[in-house]
PDB file of all heavy atoms in Angstrom:
ATOM      1  N   LEU A   1      88.943  99.462 110.862  1.00  0.00           N
ATOM      2  CA  LEU A   1      88.767 100.909 110.691  1.00  0.00           C
ATOM      3  C   LEU A   1      90.090 101.654 110.802  1.00  0.00           C
ATOM      4  O   LEU A   1      90.368 102.567 110.008  1.00  0.00           O
ATOM      5  CB  LEU A   1      87.781 101.454 111.727  1.00  0.00           C
ATOM      6  CG  LEU A   1      86.315 101.215 111.426  1.00  0.00           C
ATOM      7  CD1 LEU A   1      85.461 101.618 112.630  1.00  0.00           C
ATOM      8  CD2 LEU A   1      85.885 101.975 110.191  1.00  0.00           C
ATOM      9  N   ARG A   2      90.907 101.276 111.768  1.00  0.00           N
ATOM     10  CA  ARG A   2      92.217 101.936 111.913  1.00  0.00           C
ATOM     11  C   ARG A   2      93.072 101.751 110.662  1.00  0.00           C
ATOM     12  O   ARG A   2      93.693 102.691 110.171  1.00  0.00           O
ATOM     13  CB  ARG A   2      92.957 101.410 113.139  1.00  0.00           C
ATOM     14  CG  ARG A   2      92.400 101.876 114.445  1.00  0.00           C
ATOM     15  CD  ARG A   2      93.241 101.397 115.628  1.00  0.00           C
ATOM     16  NE  ARG A   2      92.628 101.732 116.879  1.00  0.00           N
ATOM     17  CZ  ARG A   2      92.686 102.942 117.453  1.00  0.00           C
ATOM     18  NH1 ARG A   2      93.332 103.922 116.861  1.00  0.00           N
ATOM     19  NH2 ARG A   2      92.101 103.156 118.619  1.00  0.00           N
ATOM     20  N   GLU A   3      93.099 100.528 110.147  1.00  0.00           N
ATOM     21  CA  GLU A   3      93.887 100.255 108.941  1.00  0.00           C
ATOM     22  C   GLU A   3      93.354 101.030 107.742  1.00  0.00           C
ATOM     23  O   GLU A   3      94.126 101.605 106.969  1.00  0.00           O
ATOM     24  CB  GLU A   3      93.876  98.758 108.629  1.00  0.00           C
ATOM     25  CG  GLU A   3      94.723  97.934 109.570  1.00  0.00           C
ATOM     26  CD  GLU A   3      94.667  96.447 109.263  1.00  0.00           C
ATOM     27  OE1 GLU A   3      94.369  96.085 108.108  1.00  0.00           O
ATOM     28  OE2 GLU A   3      94.919  95.654 110.189  1.00  0.00           O
ATOM     29  N   LYS A   4      92.034 101.066 107.583  1.00  0.00           N
ATOM     30  CA  LYS A   4      91.439 101.758 106.443  1.00  0.00           C
ATOM     31  C   LYS A   4      91.654 103.264 106.537  1.00  0.00           C
ATOM     32  O   LYS A   4      91.963 103.916 105.546  1.00  0.00           O
ATOM     33  CB  LYS A   4      89.948 101.435 106.343  1.00  0.00           C
ATOM     34  CG  LYS A   4      89.326 101.895 105.064  1.00  0.00           C
ATOM     35  CD  LYS A   4      89.947 101.176 103.880  1.00  0.00           C
ATOM     36  CE  LYS A   4      89.309 101.565 102.586  1.00  0.00           C
ATOM     37  NZ  LYS A   4      89.925 100.916 101.430  1.00  0.00           N
ATOM     38  N   ILE A   5      91.512 103.820 107.731  1.00  0.00           N
ATOM     39  CA  ILE A   5      91.744 105.253 107.911  1.00  0.00           C
ATOM     40  C   ILE A   5      93.187 105.602 107.589  1.00  0.00           C
ATOM     41  O   ILE A   5      93.469 106.603 106.918  1.00  0.00           O
ATOM     42  CB  ILE A   5      91.358 105.695 109.339  1.00  0.00           C
ATOM     43  CG1 ILE A   5      89.836 105.662 109.489  1.00  0.00           C
ATOM     44  CG2 ILE A   5      91.924 107.070 109.672  1.00  0.00           C
ATOM     45  CD1 ILE A   5      89.349 105.834 110.919  1.00  0.00           C
ATOM     46  N   GLU A   6      94.133 104.784 108.044  1.00  0.00           N
ATOM     47  CA  GLU A   6      95.545 105.032 107.743  1.00  0.00           C
ATOM     48  C   GLU A   6      95.800 104.947 106.239  1.00  0.00           C
ATOM     49  O   GLU A   6      96.487 105.788 105.660  1.00  0.00           O
ATOM     50  CB  GLU A   6      96.433 104.040 108.481  1.00  0.00           C
ATOM     51  CG  GLU A   6      97.905 104.321 108.297  1.00  0.00           C
ATOM     52  CD  GLU A   6      98.788 103.411 109.126  1.00  0.00           C
ATOM     53  OE1 GLU A   6      98.345 102.901 110.168  1.00  0.00           O
ATOM     54  OE2 GLU A   6      99.946 103.216 108.703  1.00  0.00           O
ATOM     55  N   GLU A   7      95.235 103.933 105.596  1.00  0.00           N
ATOM     56  CA  GLU A   7      95.394 103.767 104.153  1.00  0.00           C
ATOM     57  C   GLU A   7      94.827 104.961 103.395  1.00  0.00           C
ATOM     58  O   GLU A   7      95.477 105.509 102.496  1.00  0.00           O
ATOM     59  CB  GLU A   7      94.679 102.491 103.712  1.00  0.00           C
ATOM     60  CG  GLU A   7      94.664 102.261 102.221  1.00  0.00           C
ATOM     61  CD  GLU A   7      93.781 101.081 101.847  1.00  0.00           C
ATOM     62  OE1 GLU A   7      93.798 100.054 102.561  1.00  0.00           O
ATOM     63  OE2 GLU A   7      93.060 101.198 100.840  1.00  0.00           O
ATOM     64  N   MET A   8      93.629 105.389 103.768  1.00  0.00           N
ATOM     65  CA  MET A   8      93.005 106.520 103.081  1.00  0.00           C
ATOM     66  C   MET A   8      93.761 107.816 103.341  1.00  0.00           C
ATOM     67  O   MET A   8      93.881 108.667 102.456  1.00  0.00           O
ATOM     68  CB  MET A   8      91.539 106.640 103.484  1.00  0.00           C
ATOM     69  CG  MET A   8      90.709 105.480 102.975  1.00  0.00           C
ATOM     70  SD  MET A   8      88.995 105.543 103.517  1.00  0.00           S
ATOM     71  CE  MET A   8      88.383 106.816 102.421  1.00  0.00           C
ATOM     72  N   SER A   9      94.303 107.965 104.540  1.00  0.00           N
ATOM     73  CA  SER A   9      95.103 109.136 104.868  1.00  0.00           C
ATOM     74  C   SER A   9      96.378 109.170 104.023  1.00  0.00           C
ATOM     75  O   SER A   9      96.773 110.226 103.505  1.00  0.00           O
ATOM     76  CB  SER A   9      95.451 109.130 106.349  1.00  0.00           C
ATOM     77  OG  SER A   9      96.245 110.240 106.677  1.00  0.00           O
ATOM     78  N   ASP A  10      97.017 108.008 103.856  1.00  0.00           N
ATOM     79  CA  ASP A  10      98.217 107.931 103.016  1.00  0.00           C
ATOM     80  C   ASP A  10      97.895 108.282 101.570  1.00  0.00           C
ATOM     81  O   ASP A  10      98.659 108.983 100.912  1.00  0.00           O
ATOM     82  CB  ASP A  10      98.826 106.529 103.082  1.00  0.00           C
ATOM     83  CG  ASP A  10      99.464 106.218 104.423  1.00  0.00           C
ATOM     84  OD1 ASP A  10      99.676 107.166 105.216  1.00  0.00           O
ATOM     85  OD2 ASP A  10      99.738 105.030 104.679  1.00  0.00           O
ATOM     86  N   ILE A  11      96.769 107.789 101.070  1.00  0.00           N
ATOM     87  CA  ILE A  11      96.357 108.094  99.693  1.00  0.00           C
ATOM     88  C   ILE A  11      96.111 109.591  99.543  1.00  0.00           C
ATOM     89  O   ILE A  11      96.542 110.204  98.571  1.00  0.00           O
ATOM     90  CB  ILE A  11      95.112 107.279  99.304  1.00  0.00           C
ATOM     91  CG1 ILE A  11      95.481 105.805  99.175  1.00  0.00           C
ATOM     92  CG2 ILE A  11      94.487 107.805  98.016  1.00  0.00           C
ATOM     93  CD1 ILE A  11      94.298 104.878  99.045  1.00  0.00           C
ATOM     94  N   TYR A  12      95.449 110.189 100.521  1.00  0.00           N
ATOM     95  CA  TYR A  12      95.195 111.626 100.484  1.00  0.00           C
ATOM     96  C   TYR A  12      96.507 112.405 100.495  1.00  0.00           C
ATOM     97  O   TYR A  12      96.689 113.337  99.705  1.00  0.00           O
ATOM     98  CB  TYR A  12      94.324 112.042 101.671  1.00  0.00           C
ATOM     99  CG  TYR A  12      94.089 113.523 101.746  1.00  0.00           C
ATOM    100  CD1 TYR A  12      93.145 114.137 100.933  1.00  0.00           C
ATOM    101  CD2 TYR A  12      94.829 114.322 102.614  1.00  0.00           C
ATOM    102  CE1 TYR A  12      92.947 115.507 100.983  1.00  0.00           C
ATOM    103  CE2 TYR A  12      94.634 115.686 102.677  1.00  0.00           C
ATOM    104  CZ  TYR A  12      93.686 116.275 101.857  1.00  0.00           C
ATOM    105  OH  TYR A  12      93.502 117.641 101.910  1.00  0.00           O
ATOM    106  N   ASP A  13      97.417 112.017 101.388  1.00  0.00           N
ATOM    107  CA  ASP A  13      98.715 112.695 101.456  1.00  0.00           C
ATOM    108  C   ASP A  13      99.475 112.570 100.144  1.00  0.00           C
ATOM    109  O   ASP A  13     100.091 113.538  99.679  1.00  0.00           O
ATOM    110  CB  ASP A  13      99.563 112.124 102.592  1.00  0.00           C
ATOM    111  CG  ASP A  13      99.030 112.490 103.964  1.00  0.00           C
ATOM    112  OD1 ASP A  13      98.186 113.401 104.067  1.00  0.00           O
ATOM    113  OD2 ASP A  13      99.464 111.844 104.944  1.00  0.00           O
ATOM    114  N   LEU A  14      99.445 111.395  99.530  1.00  0.00           N
ATOM    115  CA  LEU A  14     100.111 111.184  98.249  1.00  0.00           C
ATOM    116  C   LEU A  14      99.489 112.060  97.179  1.00  0.00           C
ATOM    117  O   LEU A  14     100.192 112.703  96.399  1.00  0.00           O
ATOM    118  CB  LEU A  14     100.045 109.716  97.840  1.00  0.00           C
ATOM    119  CG  LEU A  14     100.652 109.369  96.479  1.00  0.00           C
ATOM    120  CD1 LEU A  14     102.132 109.751  96.431  1.00  0.00           C
ATOM    121  CD2 LEU A  14     100.459 107.894  96.178  1.00  0.00           C
ATOM    122  N   HIS A  15      98.167 112.108  97.159  1.00  0.00           N
ATOM    123  CA  HIS A  15      97.467 112.953  96.177  1.00  0.00           C
ATOM    124  C   HIS A  15      97.869 114.416  96.349  1.00  0.00           C
ATOM    125  O   HIS A  15      98.154 115.107  95.369  1.00  0.00           O
ATOM    126  CB  HIS A  15      95.956 112.783  96.324  1.00  0.00           C
ATOM    127  CG  HIS A  15      95.158 113.664  95.425  1.00  0.00           C
ATOM    128  ND1 HIS A  15      95.064 113.437  94.064  1.00  0.00           N
ATOM    129  CD2 HIS A  15      94.444 114.779  95.676  1.00  0.00           C
ATOM    130  CE1 HIS A  15      94.312 114.385  93.529  1.00  0.00           C
ATOM    131  NE2 HIS A  15      93.924 115.203  94.485  1.00  0.00           N
ATOM    132  N   GLU A  16      97.893 114.883  97.596  1.00  0.00           N
ATOM    133  CA  GLU A  16      98.293 116.264  97.861  1.00  0.00           C
ATOM    134  C   GLU A  16      99.732 116.519  97.408  1.00  0.00           C
ATOM    135  O   GLU A  16     100.043 117.547  96.826  1.00  0.00           O
ATOM    136  CB  GLU A  16      98.138 116.587  99.351  1.00  0.00           C
ATOM    137  CG  GLU A  16      96.708 116.698  99.804  1.00  0.00           C
ATOM    138  CD  GLU A  16      96.013 117.891  99.187  1.00  0.00           C
ATOM    139  OE1 GLU A  16      96.530 119.017  99.301  1.00  0.00           O
ATOM    140  OE2 GLU A  16      94.951 117.681  98.576  1.00  0.00           O
ATOM    141  N   ALA A  17     100.625 115.584  97.691  1.00  0.00           N
ATOM    142  CA  ALA A  17     102.025 115.734  97.287  1.00  0.00           C
ATOM    143  C   ALA A  17     102.158 115.773  95.777  1.00  0.00           C
ATOM    144  O   ALA A  17     102.947 116.549  95.232  1.00  0.00           O
ATOM    145  CB  ALA A  17     102.860 114.592  97.861  1.00  0.00           C
ATOM    146  N   MET A  18     101.375 114.937  95.086  1.00  0.00           N
ATOM    147  CA  MET A  18     101.424 114.929  93.622  1.00  0.00           C
ATOM    148  C   MET A  18     100.886 116.243  93.060  1.00  0.00           C
ATOM    149  O   MET A  18     101.439 116.787  92.109  1.00  0.00           O
ATOM    150  CB  MET A  18     100.628 113.746  93.077  1.00  0.00           C
ATOM    151  CG  MET A  18     101.310 112.415  93.336  1.00  0.00           C
ATOM    152  SD  MET A  18     100.301 110.983  92.897  1.00  0.00           S
ATOM    153  CE  MET A  18     100.064 111.247  91.152  1.00  0.00           C
ATOM    154  N   GLN A  19      99.830 116.763  93.675  1.00  0.00           N
ATOM    155  CA  GLN A  19      99.293 118.049  93.229  1.00  0.00           C
ATOM    156  C   GLN A  19     100.326 119.152  93.441  1.00  0.00           C
ATOM    157  O   GLN A  19     100.520 120.003  92.590  1.00  0.00           O
ATOM    158  CB  GLN A  19      97.998 118.390  93.987  1.00  0.00           C
ATOM    159  CG  GLN A  19      96.834 117.505  93.644  1.00  0.00           C
ATOM    160  CD  GLN A  19      96.401 117.662  92.204  1.00  0.00           C
ATOM    161  OE1 GLN A  19      96.536 118.714  91.604  1.00  0.00           O
ATOM    162  NE2 GLN A  19      95.896 116.583  91.641  1.00  0.00           N
ATOM    163  N   GLU A  20     100.972 119.105  94.578  1.00  0.00           N
ATOM    164  CA  GLU A  20     101.994 120.108  94.904  1.00  0.00           C
ATOM    165  C   GLU A  20     103.168 119.987  93.932  1.00  0.00           C
ATOM    166  O   GLU A  20     103.711 120.988  93.474  1.00  0.00           O
ATOM    167  CB  GLU A  20     102.472 119.914  96.341  1.00  0.00           C
ATOM    168  CG  GLU A  20     103.440 120.948  96.838  1.00  0.00           C
ATOM    169  CD  GLU A  20     102.808 122.307  97.077  1.00  0.00           C
ATOM    170  OE1 GLU A  20     101.587 122.395  97.237  1.00  0.00           O
ATOM    171  OE2 GLU A  20     103.572 123.289  97.101  1.00  0.00           O
ATOM    172  N   GLY A  21     103.538 118.787  93.587  1.00  0.00           N
ATOM    173  CA  GLY A  21     104.686 118.570  92.715  1.00  0.00           C
ATOM    174  C   GLY A  21     104.425 118.879  91.254  1.00  0.00           C
ATOM    175  O   GLY A  21     105.363 119.032  90.481  1.00  0.00           O
ATOM    176  N   THR A  22     103.169 118.997  90.853  1.00  0.00           N
ATOM    177  CA  THR A  22     102.871 119.243  89.444  1.00  0.00           C
ATOM    178  C   THR A  22     102.441 120.673  89.157  1.00  0.00           C
ATOM    179  O   THR A  22     102.098 120.993  88.040  1.00  0.00           O
ATOM    180  CB  THR A  22     101.763 118.286  88.954  1.00  0.00           C
ATOM    181  OG1 THR A  22     100.604 118.477  89.759  1.00  0.00           O
ATOM    182  CG2 THR A  22     102.223 116.846  89.010  1.00  0.00           C
ATOM    183  N   ARG A  23     102.461 121.510  90.166  1.00  0.00           N
ATOM    184  CA  ARG A  23     102.098 122.903  89.935  1.00  0.00           C
ATOM    185  C   ARG A  23     103.259 123.636  89.269  1.00  0.00           C
ATOM    186  O   ARG A  23     104.423 123.336  89.496  1.00  0.00           O
ATOM    187  CB  ARG A  23     101.760 123.586  91.252  1.00  0.00           C
ATOM    188  CG  ARG A  23     100.493 123.062  91.859  1.00  0.00           C
ATOM    189  CD  ARG A  23     100.138 123.865  93.083  1.00  0.00           C
ATOM    190  NE  ARG A  23      98.955 123.297  93.680  1.00  0.00           N
ATOM    191  CZ  ARG A  23      98.763 123.216  94.978  1.00  0.00           C
ATOM    192  NH1 ARG A  23      99.662 123.680  95.812  1.00  0.00           N
ATOM    193  NH2 ARG A  23      97.667 122.688  95.449  1.00  0.00           N
ATOM    194  N   PHE A  24     102.916 124.620  88.476  1.00  0.00           N
ATOM    195  CA  PHE A  24     103.928 125.445  87.831  1.00  0.00           C
ATOM    196  C   PHE A  24     104.075 126.743  88.609  1.00  0.00           C
ATOM    197  O   PHE A  24     103.104 127.345  89.032  1.00  0.00           O
ATOM    198  CB  PHE A  24     103.534 125.747  86.384  1.00  0.00           C
ATOM    199  CG  PHE A  24     103.577 124.541  85.511  1.00  0.00           C
ATOM    200  CD1 PHE A  24     102.430 123.822  85.227  1.00  0.00           C
ATOM    201  CD2 PHE A  24     104.780 124.106  84.966  1.00  0.00           C
ATOM    202  CE1 PHE A  24     102.470 122.704  84.425  1.00  0.00           C
ATOM    203  CE2 PHE A  24     104.835 122.988  84.163  1.00  0.00           C
ATOM    204  CZ  PHE A  24     103.675 122.279  83.893  1.00  0.00           C
ATOM    205  N   PHE A  25     105.318 127.132  88.822  1.00  0.00           N
ATOM    206  CA  PHE A  25     105.612 128.352  89.552  1.00  0.00           C
ATOM    207  C   PHE A  25     106.530 129.220  88.707  1.00  0.00           C
ATOM    208  O   PHE A  25     107.366 128.714  87.954  1.00  0.00           O
ATOM    209  CB  PHE A  25     106.334 128.045  90.876  1.00  0.00           C
ATOM    210  CG  PHE A  25     105.539 127.197  91.817  1.00  0.00           C
ATOM    211  CD1 PHE A  25     105.760 125.829  91.906  1.00  0.00           C
ATOM    212  CD2 PHE A  25     104.563 127.768  92.617  1.00  0.00           C
ATOM    213  CE1 PHE A  25     105.026 125.056  92.775  1.00  0.00           C
ATOM    214  CE2 PHE A  25     103.826 126.991  93.499  1.00  0.00           C
ATOM    215  CZ  PHE A  25     104.063 125.628  93.572  1.00  0.00           C
ATOM    216  N   THR A  26     106.378 130.519  88.884  1.00  0.00           N
ATOM    217  CA  THR A  26     107.344 131.425  88.278  1.00  0.00           C
ATOM    218  C   THR A  26     108.651 131.263  89.033  1.00  0.00           C
ATOM    219  O   THR A  26     108.686 130.710  90.139  1.00  0.00           O
ATOM    220  CB  THR A  26     106.870 132.887  88.378  1.00  0.00           C
ATOM    221  OG1 THR A  26     106.828 133.262  89.747  1.00  0.00           O
ATOM    222  CG2 THR A  26     105.509 133.076  87.734  1.00  0.00           C
ATOM    223  N   SER A  27     109.729 131.751  88.480  1.00  0.00           N
ATOM    224  CA  SER A  27     111.019 131.605  89.154  1.00  0.00           C
ATOM    225  C   SER A  27     111.024 132.308  90.504  1.00  0.00           C
ATOM    226  O   SER A  27     111.589 131.814  91.475  1.00  0.00           O
ATOM    227  CB  SER A  27     112.155 132.120  88.275  1.00  0.00           C
ATOM    228  OG  SER A  27     111.951 133.485  87.986  1.00  0.00           O
ATOM    229  N   SER A  28     110.374 133.467  90.615  1.00  0.00           N
ATOM    230  CA  SER A  28     110.333 134.175  91.897  1.00  0.00           C
ATOM    231  C   SER A  28     109.495 133.402  92.918  1.00  0.00           C
ATOM    232  O   SER A  28     109.835 133.340  94.105  1.00  0.00           O
ATOM    233  CB  SER A  28     109.789 135.591  91.730  1.00  0.00           C
ATOM    234  OG  SER A  28     108.477 135.572  91.217  1.00  0.00           O
ATOM    235  N   GLN A  29     108.417 132.752  92.474  1.00  0.00           N
ATOM    236  CA  GLN A  29     107.606 131.936  93.381  1.00  0.00           C
ATOM    237  C   GLN A  29     108.432 130.734  93.856  1.00  0.00           C
ATOM    238  O   GLN A  29     108.385 130.370  95.028  1.00  0.00           O
ATOM    239  CB  GLN A  29     106.332 131.443  92.707  1.00  0.00           C
ATOM    240  CG  GLN A  29     105.296 132.531  92.489  1.00  0.00           C
ATOM    241  CD  GLN A  29     104.134 132.017  91.666  1.00  0.00           C
ATOM    242  OE1 GLN A  29     104.322 131.272  90.702  1.00  0.00           O
ATOM    243  NE2 GLN A  29     102.936 132.442  92.030  1.00  0.00           N
ATOM    244  N   ALA A  30     109.159 130.121  92.942  1.00  0.00           N
ATOM    245  CA  ALA A  30     109.958 128.947  93.288  1.00  0.00           C
ATOM    246  C   ALA A  30     111.058 129.316  94.285  1.00  0.00           C
ATOM    247  O   ALA A  30     111.324 128.575  95.224  1.00  0.00           O
ATOM    248  CB  ALA A  30     110.566 128.338  92.035  1.00  0.00           C
TER     249      ALA A  30
END
């Protein structure tokens, strides 16, 4: 369970980072 929770947490964090990295921002937002 500890290993699976860590793995799933890493996948979630990666997904969030990818979502954050693919958003478009105006220059003032950036």
